[in-house]
Amino acid sequence: MAQYADYELKEKDWKLLRKKLPGWQEAYMDGLVEEYREILNSPGLSSEKFWALKKRIRDDQKNPGVLITDLRRSTMTWTIQALLNYGVITLNDLCDFSEELQARMKYLTEE
């Protein structure tokens, strides 16, 4: 890990994250909406579907694919790691970022 401890935030990576994050979140939420439709279209009582959907939305609101609205440089690495850990993005989504950032995220997600 020592080789990644010295990672310095690159301006290119910061700008790219700010550009890509809204699209990543929108794509993630598109998937959530499809899952919500499945809940609503499933067999069962309307009340059961309502409460299942309410719980699911409440849980999903805590996910970084939905939650991150206040992006900060100081938490950029954590933000990307959280997006990876929650399946909002994959390592392939980082292909335009610096090699250093990609290597750091690969290392952090393999632990």
PDB file of N, CA and C in Angstrom:
ATOM      1  N   MET A   1       0.824  -1.203   0.000  1.00  0.00           N
ATOM      2  CA  MET A   1       0.000   0.000   0.000  1.00  0.00           C
ATOM      3  C   MET A   1       0.857   1.251   0.000  1.00  0.00           C
ATOM      4  N   ALA A   2       2.061   1.158   0.481  1.00  0.00           N
ATOM      5  CA  ALA A   2       2.924   2.328   0.567  1.00  0.00           C
ATOM      6  C   ALA A   2       3.069   3.026  -0.779  1.00  0.00           C
ATOM      7  N   GLN A   3       3.137   2.245  -1.864  1.00  0.00           N
ATOM      8  CA  GLN A   3       3.293   2.863  -3.163  1.00  0.00           C
ATOM      9  C   GLN A   3       2.079   3.695  -3.554  1.00  0.00           C
ATOM     10  N   TYR A   4       0.921   3.438  -2.953  1.00  0.00           N
ATOM     11  CA  TYR A   4      -0.281   4.196  -3.282  1.00  0.00           C
ATOM     12  C   TYR A   4      -0.587   5.277  -2.247  1.00  0.00           C
ATOM     13  N   ALA A   5       0.105   5.255  -1.136  1.00  0.00           N
ATOM     14  CA  ALA A   5      -0.127   6.251  -0.091  1.00  0.00           C
ATOM     15  C   ALA A   5       0.298   7.638  -0.541  1.00  0.00           C
ATOM     16  N   ASP A   6       1.226   7.711  -1.484  1.00  0.00           N
ATOM     17  CA  ASP A   6       1.750   8.987  -1.938  1.00  0.00           C
ATOM     18  C   ASP A   6       0.980   9.559  -3.126  1.00  0.00           C
ATOM     19  N   TYR A   7      -0.140   8.951  -3.465  1.00  0.00           N
ATOM     20  CA  TYR A   7      -0.915   9.428  -4.610  1.00  0.00           C
ATOM     21  C   TYR A   7      -1.321  10.871  -4.378  1.00  0.00           C
ATOM     22  N   GLU A   8      -1.043  11.704  -5.366  1.00  0.00           N
ATOM     23  CA  GLU A   8      -1.467  13.100  -5.316  1.00  0.00           C
ATOM     24  C   GLU A   8      -2.599  13.292  -6.309  1.00  0.00           C
ATOM     25  N   LEU A   9      -3.618  13.943  -5.853  1.00  0.00           N
ATOM     26  CA  LEU A   9      -4.777  14.211  -6.695  1.00  0.00           C
ATOM     27  C   LEU A   9      -4.353  14.986  -7.932  1.00  0.00           C
ATOM     28  N   LYS A  10      -4.722  14.467  -9.044  1.00  0.00           N
ATOM     29  CA  LYS A  10      -4.422  15.136 -10.311  1.00  0.00           C
ATOM     30  C   LYS A  10      -5.640  15.953 -10.730  1.00  0.00           C
ATOM     31  N   GLU A  11      -5.382  17.157 -11.202  1.00  0.00           N
ATOM     32  CA  GLU A  11      -6.458  18.051 -11.620  1.00  0.00           C
ATOM     33  C   GLU A  11      -7.318  17.393 -12.697  1.00  0.00           C
ATOM     34  N   LYS A  12      -6.687  16.672 -13.616  1.00  0.00           N
ATOM     35  CA  LYS A  12      -7.424  15.976 -14.681  1.00  0.00           C
ATOM     36  C   LYS A  12      -8.408  14.979 -14.084  1.00  0.00           C
ATOM     37  N   ASP A  13      -7.972  14.217 -13.066  1.00  0.00           N
ATOM     38  CA  ASP A  13      -8.845  13.240 -12.430  1.00  0.00           C
ATOM     39  C   ASP A  13     -10.005  13.921 -11.723  1.00  0.00           C
ATOM     40  N   TRP A  14      -9.723  15.017 -11.053  1.00  0.00           N
ATOM     41  CA  TRP A  14     -10.762  15.753 -10.335  1.00  0.00           C
ATOM     42  C   TRP A  14     -11.824  16.269 -11.307  1.00  0.00           C
ATOM     43  N   LYS A  15     -11.384  16.879 -12.392  1.00  0.00           N
ATOM     44  CA  LYS A  15     -12.322  17.420 -13.381  1.00  0.00           C
ATOM     45  C   LYS A  15     -13.128  16.295 -14.025  1.00  0.00           C
ATOM     46  N   LEU A  16     -12.468  15.192 -14.303  1.00  0.00           N
ATOM     47  CA  LEU A  16     -13.141  14.061 -14.931  1.00  0.00           C
ATOM     48  C   LEU A  16     -14.200  13.452 -14.010  1.00  0.00           C
ATOM     49  N   LEU A  17     -13.881  13.340 -12.730  1.00  0.00           N
ATOM     50  CA  LEU A  17     -14.866  12.824 -11.774  1.00  0.00           C
ATOM     51  C   LEU A  17     -16.091  13.730 -11.732  1.00  0.00           C
ATOM     52  N   ARG A  18     -15.867  15.028 -11.668  1.00  0.00           N
ATOM     53  CA  ARG A  18     -16.988  15.972 -11.625  1.00  0.00           C
ATOM     54  C   ARG A  18     -17.842  15.873 -12.896  1.00  0.00           C
ATOM     55  N   LYS A  19     -17.216  15.574 -14.011  1.00  0.00           N
ATOM     56  CA  LYS A  19     -17.936  15.446 -15.276  1.00  0.00           C
ATOM     57  C   LYS A  19     -18.708  14.127 -15.348  1.00  0.00           C
ATOM     58  N   LYS A  20     -18.097  13.039 -14.892  1.00  0.00           N
ATOM     59  CA  LYS A  20     -18.680  11.709 -15.064  1.00  0.00           C
ATOM     60  C   LYS A  20     -19.693  11.321 -13.983  1.00  0.00           C
ATOM     61  N   LEU A  21     -19.540  11.835 -12.789  1.00  0.00           N
ATOM     62  CA  LEU A  21     -20.393  11.419 -11.682  1.00  0.00           C
ATOM     63  C   LEU A  21     -21.888  11.544 -11.979  1.00  0.00           C
ATOM     64  N   PRO A  22     -22.369  12.656 -12.495  1.00  0.00           N
ATOM     65  CA  PRO A  22     -23.819  12.740 -12.763  1.00  0.00           C
ATOM     66  C   PRO A  22     -24.313  11.651 -13.722  1.00  0.00           C
ATOM     67  N   GLY A  23     -23.555  11.336 -14.741  1.00  0.00           N
ATOM     68  CA  GLY A  23     -23.949  10.284 -15.676  1.00  0.00           C
ATOM     69  C   GLY A  23     -23.948   8.920 -15.024  1.00  0.00           C
ATOM     70  N   TRP A  24     -22.932   8.651 -14.203  1.00  0.00           N
ATOM     71  CA  TRP A  24     -22.880   7.381 -13.481  1.00  0.00           C
ATOM     72  C   TRP A  24     -24.093   7.241 -12.563  1.00  0.00           C
ATOM     73  N   GLN A  25     -24.408   8.319 -11.863  1.00  0.00           N
ATOM     74  CA  GLN A  25     -25.545   8.270 -10.943  1.00  0.00           C
ATOM     75  C   GLN A  25     -26.854   8.093 -11.709  1.00  0.00           C
ATOM     76  N   GLU A  26     -26.994   8.781 -12.816  1.00  0.00           N
ATOM     77  CA  GLU A  26     -28.225   8.666 -13.599  1.00  0.00           C
ATOM     78  C   GLU A  26     -28.402   7.235 -14.111  1.00  0.00           C
ATOM     79  N   ALA A  27     -27.333   6.648 -14.606  1.00  0.00           N
ATOM     80  CA  ALA A  27     -27.396   5.264 -15.089  1.00  0.00           C
ATOM     81  C   ALA A  27     -27.732   4.310 -13.947  1.00  0.00           C
ATOM     82  N   TYR A  28     -27.141   4.542 -12.785  1.00  0.00           N
ATOM     83  CA  TYR A  28     -27.421   3.692 -11.629  1.00  0.00           C
ATOM     84  C   TYR A  28     -28.884   3.820 -11.220  1.00  0.00           C
ATOM     85  N   MET A  29     -29.387   5.047 -11.187  1.00  0.00           N
ATOM     86  CA  MET A  29     -30.778   5.259 -10.796  1.00  0.00           C
ATOM     87  C   MET A  29     -31.750   4.720 -11.839  1.00  0.00           C
ATOM     88  N   ASP A  30     -31.350   4.705 -13.115  1.00  0.00           N
ATOM     89  CA  ASP A  30     -32.177   4.060 -14.140  1.00  0.00           C
ATOM     90  C   ASP A  30     -32.390   2.592 -13.784  1.00  0.00           C
ATOM     91  N   GLY A  31     -31.319   1.941 -13.335  1.00  0.00           N
ATOM     92  CA  GLY A  31     -31.424   0.546 -12.916  1.00  0.00           C
ATOM     93  C   GLY A  31     -32.326   0.382 -11.706  1.00  0.00           C
ATOM     94  N   LEU A  32     -32.222   1.315 -10.768  1.00  0.00           N
ATOM     95  CA  LEU A  32     -33.087   1.258  -9.586  1.00  0.00           C
ATOM     96  C   LEU A  32     -34.554   1.388  -9.971  1.00  0.00           C
ATOM     97  N   VAL A  33     -34.844   2.304 -10.878  1.00  0.00           N
ATOM     98  CA  VAL A  33     -36.231   2.510 -11.304  1.00  0.00           C
ATOM     99  C   VAL A  33     -36.789   1.222 -11.916  1.00  0.00           C
ATOM    100  N   GLU A  34     -35.976   0.526 -12.687  1.00  0.00           N
ATOM    101  CA  GLU A  34     -36.422  -0.752 -13.258  1.00  0.00           C
ATOM    102  C   GLU A  34     -36.718  -1.762 -12.151  1.00  0.00           C
ATOM    103  N   GLU A  35     -35.871  -1.797 -11.132  1.00  0.00           N
ATOM    104  CA  GLU A  35     -36.109  -2.702 -10.004  1.00  0.00           C
ATOM    105  C   GLU A  35     -37.369  -2.301  -9.246  1.00  0.00           C
ATOM    106  N   TYR A  36     -37.633  -1.016  -9.138  1.00  0.00           N
ATOM    107  CA  TYR A  36     -38.858  -0.552  -8.473  1.00  0.00           C
ATOM    108  C   TYR A  36     -40.092  -0.978  -9.271  1.00  0.00           C
ATOM    109  N   ARG A  37     -39.981  -0.903 -10.590  1.00  0.00           N
ATOM    110  CA  ARG A  37     -41.095  -1.355 -11.441  1.00  0.00           C
ATOM    111  C   ARG A  37     -41.390  -2.831 -11.194  1.00  0.00           C
ATOM    112  N   GLU A  38     -40.336  -3.618 -11.052  1.00  0.00           N
ATOM    113  CA  GLU A  38     -40.521  -5.050 -10.789  1.00  0.00           C
ATOM    114  C   GLU A  38     -41.260  -5.268  -9.476  1.00  0.00           C
ATOM    115  N   ILE A  39     -40.922  -4.471  -8.473  1.00  0.00           N
ATOM    116  CA  ILE A  39     -41.627  -4.576  -7.187  1.00  0.00           C
ATOM    117  C   ILE A  39     -43.102  -4.242  -7.380  1.00  0.00           C
ATOM    118  N   LEU A  40     -43.365  -3.146  -8.078  1.00  0.00           N
ATOM    119  CA  LEU A  40     -44.748  -2.709  -8.270  1.00  0.00           C
ATOM    120  C   LEU A  40     -45.552  -3.664  -9.150  1.00  0.00           C
ATOM    121  N   ASN A  41     -44.896  -4.311 -10.090  1.00  0.00           N
ATOM    122  CA  ASN A  41     -45.597  -5.220 -10.999  1.00  0.00           C
ATOM    123  C   ASN A  41     -45.633  -6.661 -10.506  1.00  0.00           C
ATOM    124  N   SER A  42     -45.048  -6.918  -9.362  1.00  0.00           N
ATOM    125  CA  SER A  42     -45.038  -8.285  -8.836  1.00  0.00           C
ATOM    126  C   SER A  42     -46.420  -8.640  -8.283  1.00  0.00           C
ATOM    127  N   PRO A  43     -46.693  -9.941  -8.190  1.00  0.00           N
ATOM    128  CA  PRO A  43     -47.986 -10.343  -7.620  1.00  0.00           C
ATOM    129  C   PRO A  43     -48.030 -10.009  -6.126  1.00  0.00           C
ATOM    130  N   GLY A  44     -49.188  -9.805  -5.628  1.00  0.00           N
ATOM    131  CA  GLY A  44     -49.342  -9.536  -4.202  1.00  0.00           C
ATOM    132  C   GLY A  44     -50.232  -8.343  -3.940  1.00  0.00           C
ATOM    133  N   LEU A  45     -50.389  -8.068  -2.668  1.00  0.00           N
ATOM    134  CA  LEU A  45     -51.236  -6.960  -2.252  1.00  0.00           C
ATOM    135  C   LEU A  45     -50.545  -5.626  -2.511  1.00  0.00           C
ATOM    136  N   SER A  46     -51.342  -4.652  -2.871  1.00  0.00           N
ATOM    137  CA  SER A  46     -50.800  -3.309  -3.100  1.00  0.00           C
ATOM    138  C   SER A  46     -50.100  -2.777  -1.862  1.00  0.00           C
ATOM    139  N   SER A  47     -50.654  -3.048  -0.700  1.00  0.00           N
ATOM    140  CA  SER A  47     -50.045  -2.550   0.535  1.00  0.00           C
ATOM    141  C   SER A  47     -48.655  -3.175   0.742  1.00  0.00           C
ATOM    142  N   GLU A  48     -48.508  -4.463   0.424  1.00  0.00           N
ATOM    143  CA  GLU A  48     -47.201  -5.112   0.565  1.00  0.00           C
ATOM    144  C   GLU A  48     -46.189  -4.503  -0.403  1.00  0.00           C
ATOM    145  N   LYS A  49     -46.619  -4.251  -1.620  1.00  0.00           N
ATOM    146  CA  LYS A  49     -45.732  -3.651  -2.610  1.00  0.00           C
ATOM    147  C   LYS A  49     -45.338  -2.240  -2.195  1.00  0.00           C
ATOM    148  N   PHE A  50     -46.321  -1.487  -1.674  1.00  0.00           N
ATOM    149  CA  PHE A  50     -46.046  -0.126  -1.219  1.00  0.00           C
ATOM    150  C   PHE A  50     -44.965  -0.120  -0.155  1.00  0.00           C
ATOM    151  N   TRP A  51     -45.107  -0.950   0.876  1.00  0.00           N
ATOM    152  CA  TRP A  51     -44.155  -0.958   1.979  1.00  0.00           C
ATOM    153  C   TRP A  51     -42.799  -1.517   1.559  1.00  0.00           C
ATOM    154  N   ALA A  52     -42.814  -2.488   0.660  1.00  0.00           N
ATOM    155  CA  ALA A  52     -41.553  -3.014   0.147  1.00  0.00           C
ATOM    156  C   ALA A  52     -40.810  -1.936  -0.639  1.00  0.00           C
ATOM    157  N   LEU A  53     -41.540  -1.190  -1.449  1.00  0.00           N
ATOM    158  CA  LEU A  53     -40.929  -0.121  -2.237  1.00  0.00           C
ATOM    159  C   LEU A  53     -40.426   1.001  -1.339  1.00  0.00           C
ATOM    160  N   LYS A  54     -41.200   1.357  -0.350  1.00  0.00           N
ATOM    161  CA  LYS A  54     -40.789   2.417   0.579  1.00  0.00           C
ATOM    162  C   LYS A  54     -39.483   2.035   1.281  1.00  0.00           C
ATOM    163  N   LYS A  55     -39.392   0.802   1.754  1.00  0.00           N
ATOM    164  CA  LYS A  55     -38.171   0.341   2.422  1.00  0.00           C
ATOM    165  C   LYS A  55     -36.997   0.346   1.448  1.00  0.00           C
ATOM    166  N   ARG A  56     -37.239  -0.126   0.254  1.00  0.00           N
ATOM    167  CA  ARG A  56     -36.171  -0.200  -0.739  1.00  0.00           C
ATOM    168  C   ARG A  56     -35.646   1.192  -1.082  1.00  0.00           C
ATOM    169  N   ILE A  57     -36.537   2.148  -1.283  1.00  0.00           N
ATOM    170  CA  ILE A  57     -36.118   3.520  -1.592  1.00  0.00           C
ATOM    171  C   ILE A  57     -35.343   4.110  -0.419  1.00  0.00           C
ATOM    172  N   ARG A  58     -35.829   3.883   0.792  1.00  0.00           N
ATOM    173  CA  ARG A  58     -35.129   4.384   1.982  1.00  0.00           C
ATOM    174  C   ARG A  58     -33.709   3.817   2.043  1.00  0.00           C
ATOM    175  N   ASP A  59     -33.553   2.536   1.769  1.00  0.00           N
ATOM    176  CA  ASP A  59     -32.222   1.916   1.771  1.00  0.00           C
ATOM    177  C   ASP A  59     -31.355   2.449   0.631  1.00  0.00           C
ATOM    178  N   ASP A  60     -31.942   2.603  -0.543  1.00  0.00           N
ATOM    179  CA  ASP A  60     -31.189   3.077  -1.705  1.00  0.00           C
ATOM    180  C   ASP A  60     -30.722   4.524  -1.556  1.00  0.00           C
ATOM    181  N   GLN A  61     -31.438   5.302  -0.779  1.00  0.00           N
ATOM    182  CA  GLN A  61     -31.046   6.696  -0.573  1.00  0.00           C
ATOM    183  C   GLN A  61     -29.690   6.809   0.130  1.00  0.00           C
ATOM    184  N   LYS A  62     -29.258   5.751   0.784  1.00  0.00           N
ATOM    185  CA  LYS A  62     -27.983   5.750   1.507  1.00  0.00           C
ATOM    186  C   LYS A  62     -26.818   5.321   0.615  1.00  0.00           C
ATOM    187  N   ASN A  63     -27.124   4.885  -0.598  1.00  0.00           N
ATOM    188  CA  ASN A  63     -26.125   4.392  -1.530  1.00  0.00           C
ATOM    189  C   ASN A  63     -25.436   5.572  -2.222  1.00  0.00           C
ATOM    190  N   PRO A  64     -24.105   5.510  -2.400  1.00  0.00           N
ATOM    191  CA  PRO A  64     -23.414   6.624  -3.053  1.00  0.00           C
ATOM    192  C   PRO A  64     -23.861   6.878  -4.485  1.00  0.00           C
ATOM    193  N   GLY A  65     -24.458   5.887  -5.107  1.00  0.00           N
ATOM    194  CA  GLY A  65     -24.989   6.107  -6.450  1.00  0.00           C
ATOM    195  C   GLY A  65     -26.136   7.093  -6.472  1.00  0.00           C
ATOM    196  N   VAL A  66     -26.722   7.320  -5.312  1.00  0.00           N
ATOM    197  CA  VAL A  66     -27.838   8.247  -5.160  1.00  0.00           C
ATOM    198  C   VAL A  66     -27.431   9.419  -4.269  1.00  0.00           C
ATOM    199  N   LEU A  67     -26.703   9.116  -3.226  1.00  0.00           N
ATOM    200  CA  LEU A  67     -26.436  10.057  -2.139  1.00  0.00           C
ATOM    201  C   LEU A  67     -25.459  11.180  -2.459  1.00  0.00           C
ATOM    202  N   ILE A  68     -24.434  10.908  -3.210  1.00  0.00           N
ATOM    203  CA  ILE A  68     -23.364  11.895  -3.399  1.00  0.00           C
ATOM    204  C   ILE A  68     -23.873  13.083  -4.210  1.00  0.00           C
ATOM    205  N   THR A  69     -23.969  14.207  -3.541  1.00  0.00           N
ATOM    206  CA  THR A  69     -24.362  15.447  -4.204  1.00  0.00           C
ATOM    207  C   THR A  69     -23.354  16.547  -3.924  1.00  0.00           C
ATOM    208  N   ASP A  70     -22.571  16.381  -2.878  1.00  0.00           N
ATOM    209  CA  ASP A  70     -21.596  17.394  -2.476  1.00  0.00           C
ATOM    210  C   ASP A  70     -20.203  16.806  -2.663  1.00  0.00           C
ATOM    211  N   LEU A  71     -19.704  16.886  -3.872  1.00  0.00           N
ATOM    212  CA  LEU A  71     -18.414  16.296  -4.218  1.00  0.00           C
ATOM    213  C   LEU A  71     -17.290  17.200  -3.739  1.00  0.00           C
ATOM    214  N   ARG A  72     -16.313  16.598  -3.062  1.00  0.00           N
ATOM    215  CA  ARG A  72     -15.178  17.365  -2.539  1.00  0.00           C
ATOM    216  C   ARG A  72     -13.870  16.704  -2.945  1.00  0.00           C
ATOM    217  N   ARG A  73     -12.882  17.538  -3.201  1.00  0.00           N
ATOM    218  CA  ARG A  73     -11.553  17.017  -3.528  1.00  0.00           C
ATOM    219  C   ARG A  73     -11.013  16.133  -2.413  1.00  0.00           C
ATOM    220  N   SER A  74     -11.225  16.564  -1.200  1.00  0.00           N
ATOM    221  CA  SER A  74     -10.645  15.856  -0.055  1.00  0.00           C
ATOM    222  C   SER A  74     -11.198  14.443   0.112  1.00  0.00           C
ATOM    223  N   THR A  75     -12.351  14.163  -0.481  1.00  0.00           N
ATOM    224  CA  THR A  75     -12.946  12.831  -0.359  1.00  0.00           C
ATOM    225  C   THR A  75     -13.046  12.115  -1.705  1.00  0.00           C
ATOM    226  N   MET A  76     -12.315  12.600  -2.692  1.00  0.00           N
ATOM    227  CA  MET A  76     -12.409  12.031  -4.036  1.00  0.00           C
ATOM    228  C   MET A  76     -12.085  10.541  -4.048  1.00  0.00           C
ATOM    229  N   THR A  77     -11.012  10.141  -3.416  1.00  0.00           N
ATOM    230  CA  THR A  77     -10.632   8.732  -3.407  1.00  0.00           C
ATOM    231  C   THR A  77     -11.706   7.905  -2.725  1.00  0.00           C
ATOM    232  N   TRP A  78     -12.203   8.371  -1.592  1.00  0.00           N
ATOM    233  CA  TRP A  78     -13.275   7.653  -0.886  1.00  0.00           C
ATOM    234  C   TRP A  78     -14.512   7.557  -1.760  1.00  0.00           C
ATOM    235  N   THR A  79     -14.848   8.638  -2.439  1.00  0.00           N
ATOM    236  CA  THR A  79     -16.036   8.658  -3.293  1.00  0.00           C
ATOM    237  C   THR A  79     -15.945   7.591  -4.378  1.00  0.00           C
ATOM    238  N   ILE A  80     -14.819   7.545  -5.060  1.00  0.00           N
ATOM    239  CA  ILE A  80     -14.650   6.557  -6.130  1.00  0.00           C
ATOM    240  C   ILE A  80     -14.658   5.148  -5.559  1.00  0.00           C
ATOM    241  N   GLN A  81     -14.000   4.960  -4.435  1.00  0.00           N
ATOM    242  CA  GLN A  81     -13.984   3.637  -3.808  1.00  0.00           C
ATOM    243  C   GLN A  81     -15.403   3.210  -3.420  1.00  0.00           C
ATOM    244  N   ALA A  82     -16.185   4.117  -2.879  1.00  0.00           N
ATOM    245  CA  ALA A  82     -17.566   3.795  -2.501  1.00  0.00           C
ATOM    246  C   ALA A  82     -18.400   3.450  -3.734  1.00  0.00           C
ATOM    247  N   LEU A  83     -18.227   4.192  -4.808  1.00  0.00           N
ATOM    248  CA  LEU A  83     -18.961   3.900  -6.039  1.00  0.00           C
ATOM    249  C   LEU A  83     -18.608   2.508  -6.564  1.00  0.00           C
ATOM    250  N   LEU A  84     -17.351   2.149  -6.463  1.00  0.00           N
ATOM    251  CA  LEU A  84     -16.916   0.815  -6.877  1.00  0.00           C
ATOM    252  C   LEU A  84     -17.485  -0.256  -5.957  1.00  0.00           C
ATOM    253  N   ASN A  85     -17.374  -0.035  -4.664  1.00  0.00           N
ATOM    254  CA  ASN A  85     -17.831  -1.038  -3.692  1.00  0.00           C
ATOM    255  C   ASN A  85     -19.330  -1.297  -3.765  1.00  0.00           C
ATOM    256  N   TYR A  86     -20.109  -0.286  -4.098  1.00  0.00           N
ATOM    257  CA  TYR A  86     -21.555  -0.435  -4.186  1.00  0.00           C
ATOM    258  C   TYR A  86     -22.023  -0.858  -5.579  1.00  0.00           C
ATOM    259  N   GLY A  87     -21.082  -1.036  -6.496  1.00  0.00           N
ATOM    260  CA  GLY A  87     -21.448  -1.490  -7.828  1.00  0.00           C
ATOM    261  C   GLY A  87     -22.053  -0.414  -8.715  1.00  0.00           C
ATOM    262  N   VAL A  88     -21.877   0.830  -8.333  1.00  0.00           N
ATOM    263  CA  VAL A  88     -22.381   1.928  -9.154  1.00  0.00           C
ATOM    264  C   VAL A  88     -21.543   2.028 -10.429  1.00  0.00           C
ATOM    265  N   ILE A  89     -20.236   1.813 -10.289  1.00  0.00           N
ATOM    266  CA  ILE A  89     -19.306   1.796 -11.410  1.00  0.00           C
ATOM    267  C   ILE A  89     -18.400   0.574 -11.284  1.00  0.00           C
ATOM    268  N   THR A  90     -17.648   0.320 -12.328  1.00  0.00           N
ATOM    269  CA  THR A  90     -16.643  -0.747 -12.317  1.00  0.00           C
ATOM    270  C   THR A  90     -15.284  -0.113 -12.586  1.00  0.00           C
ATOM    271  N   LEU A  91     -14.246  -0.888 -12.417  1.00  0.00           N
ATOM    272  CA  LEU A  91     -12.904  -0.387 -12.721  1.00  0.00           C
ATOM    273  C   LEU A  91     -12.805   0.048 -14.182  1.00  0.00           C
ATOM    274  N   ASN A  92     -13.551  -0.592 -15.062  1.00  0.00           N
ATOM    275  CA  ASN A  92     -13.540  -0.202 -16.478  1.00  0.00           C
ATOM    276  C   ASN A  92     -14.047   1.219 -16.685  1.00  0.00           C
ATOM    277  N   ASP A  93     -14.910   1.689 -15.788  1.00  0.00           N
ATOM    278  CA  ASP A  93     -15.422   3.060 -15.894  1.00  0.00           C
ATOM    279  C   ASP A  93     -14.349   4.100 -15.599  1.00  0.00           C
ATOM    280  N   LEU A  94     -13.230   3.659 -15.068  1.00  0.00           N
ATOM    281  CA  LEU A  94     -12.142   4.581 -14.720  1.00  0.00           C
ATOM    282  C   LEU A  94     -11.064   4.642 -15.802  1.00  0.00           C
ATOM    283  N   CYS A  95     -11.345   4.077 -16.967  1.00  0.00           N
ATOM    284  CA  CYS A  95     -10.320   3.970 -18.012  1.00  0.00           C
ATOM    285  C   CYS A  95      -9.784   5.321 -18.483  1.00  0.00           C
ATOM    286  N   ASP A  96     -10.537   6.390 -18.351  1.00  0.00           N
ATOM    287  CA  ASP A  96     -10.075   7.714 -18.776  1.00  0.00           C
ATOM    288  C   ASP A  96      -9.282   8.441 -17.693  1.00  0.00           C
ATOM    289  N   PHE A  97      -9.246   7.886 -16.505  1.00  0.00           N
ATOM    290  CA  PHE A  97      -8.519   8.504 -15.392  1.00  0.00           C
ATOM    291  C   PHE A  97      -7.039   8.139 -15.465  1.00  0.00           C
ATOM    292  N   SER A  98      -6.232   8.815 -14.666  1.00  0.00           N
ATOM    293  CA  SER A  98      -4.788   8.559 -14.670  1.00  0.00           C
ATOM    294  C   SER A  98      -4.491   7.115 -14.276  1.00  0.00           C
ATOM    295  N   GLU A  99      -3.381   6.612 -14.758  1.00  0.00           N
ATOM    296  CA  GLU A  99      -2.972   5.253 -14.415  1.00  0.00           C
ATOM    297  C   GLU A  99      -2.779   5.097 -12.911  1.00  0.00           C
ATOM    298  N   GLU A 100      -2.285   6.150 -12.271  1.00  0.00           N
ATOM    299  CA  GLU A 100      -2.073   6.105 -10.823  1.00  0.00           C
ATOM    300  C   GLU A 100      -3.382   5.926 -10.075  1.00  0.00           C
ATOM    301  N   LEU A 101      -4.393   6.675 -10.492  1.00  0.00           N
ATOM    302  CA  LEU A 101      -5.697   6.563  -9.828  1.00  0.00           C
ATOM    303  C   LEU A 101      -6.297   5.181 -10.083  1.00  0.00           C
ATOM    304  N   GLN A 102      -6.202   4.707 -11.300  1.00  0.00           N
ATOM    305  CA  GLN A 102      -6.729   3.387 -11.618  1.00  0.00           C
ATOM    306  C   GLN A 102      -6.043   2.309 -10.776  1.00  0.00           C
ATOM    307  N   ALA A 103      -4.731   2.393 -10.661  1.00  0.00           N
ATOM    308  CA  ALA A 103      -3.988   1.409  -9.871  1.00  0.00           C
ATOM    309  C   ALA A 103      -4.377   1.486  -8.403  1.00  0.00           C
ATOM    310  N   ARG A 104      -4.539   2.687  -7.901  1.00  0.00           N
ATOM    311  CA  ARG A 104      -4.935   2.858  -6.497  1.00  0.00           C
ATOM    312  C   ARG A 104      -6.313   2.246  -6.239  1.00  0.00           C
ATOM    313  N   MET A 105      -7.250   2.521  -7.141  1.00  0.00           N
ATOM    314  CA  MET A 105      -8.609   1.988  -6.950  1.00  0.00           C
ATOM    315  C   MET A 105      -8.628   0.473  -7.090  1.00  0.00           C
ATOM    316  N   LYS A 106      -7.861  -0.056  -8.003  1.00  0.00           N
ATOM    317  CA  LYS A 106      -7.783  -1.497  -8.152  1.00  0.00           C
ATOM    318  C   LYS A 106      -7.243  -2.112  -6.865  1.00  0.00           C
ATOM    319  N   TYR A 107      -6.207  -1.525  -6.316  1.00  0.00           N
ATOM    320  CA  TYR A 107      -5.616  -2.026  -5.075  1.00  0.00           C
ATOM    321  C   TYR A 107      -6.628  -1.947  -3.929  1.00  0.00           C
ATOM    322  N   LEU A 108      -7.284  -0.827  -3.790  1.00  0.00           N
ATOM    323  CA  LEU A 108      -8.219  -0.618  -2.681  1.00  0.00           C
ATOM    324  C   LEU A 108      -9.431  -1.527  -2.759  1.00  0.00           C
ATOM    325  N   THR A 109      -9.853  -1.876  -3.954  1.00  0.00           N
ATOM    326  CA  THR A 109     -11.042  -2.726  -4.077  1.00  0.00           C
ATOM    327  C   THR A 109     -10.711  -4.212  -4.021  1.00  0.00           C
ATOM    328  N   GLU A 110      -9.445  -4.552  -4.081  1.00  0.00           N
ATOM    329  CA  GLU A 110      -9.051  -5.967  -4.002  1.00  0.00           C
ATOM    330  C   GLU A 110      -8.795  -6.410  -2.578  1.00  0.00           C
ATOM    331  N   GLU A 111      -8.791  -5.503  -1.642  1.00  0.00           N
ATOM    332  CA  GLU A 111      -8.496  -5.863  -0.241  1.00  0.00           C
ATOM    333  C   GLU A 111      -9.563  -6.726   0.344  1.00  0.00           C
TER     334      GLU A 111
END
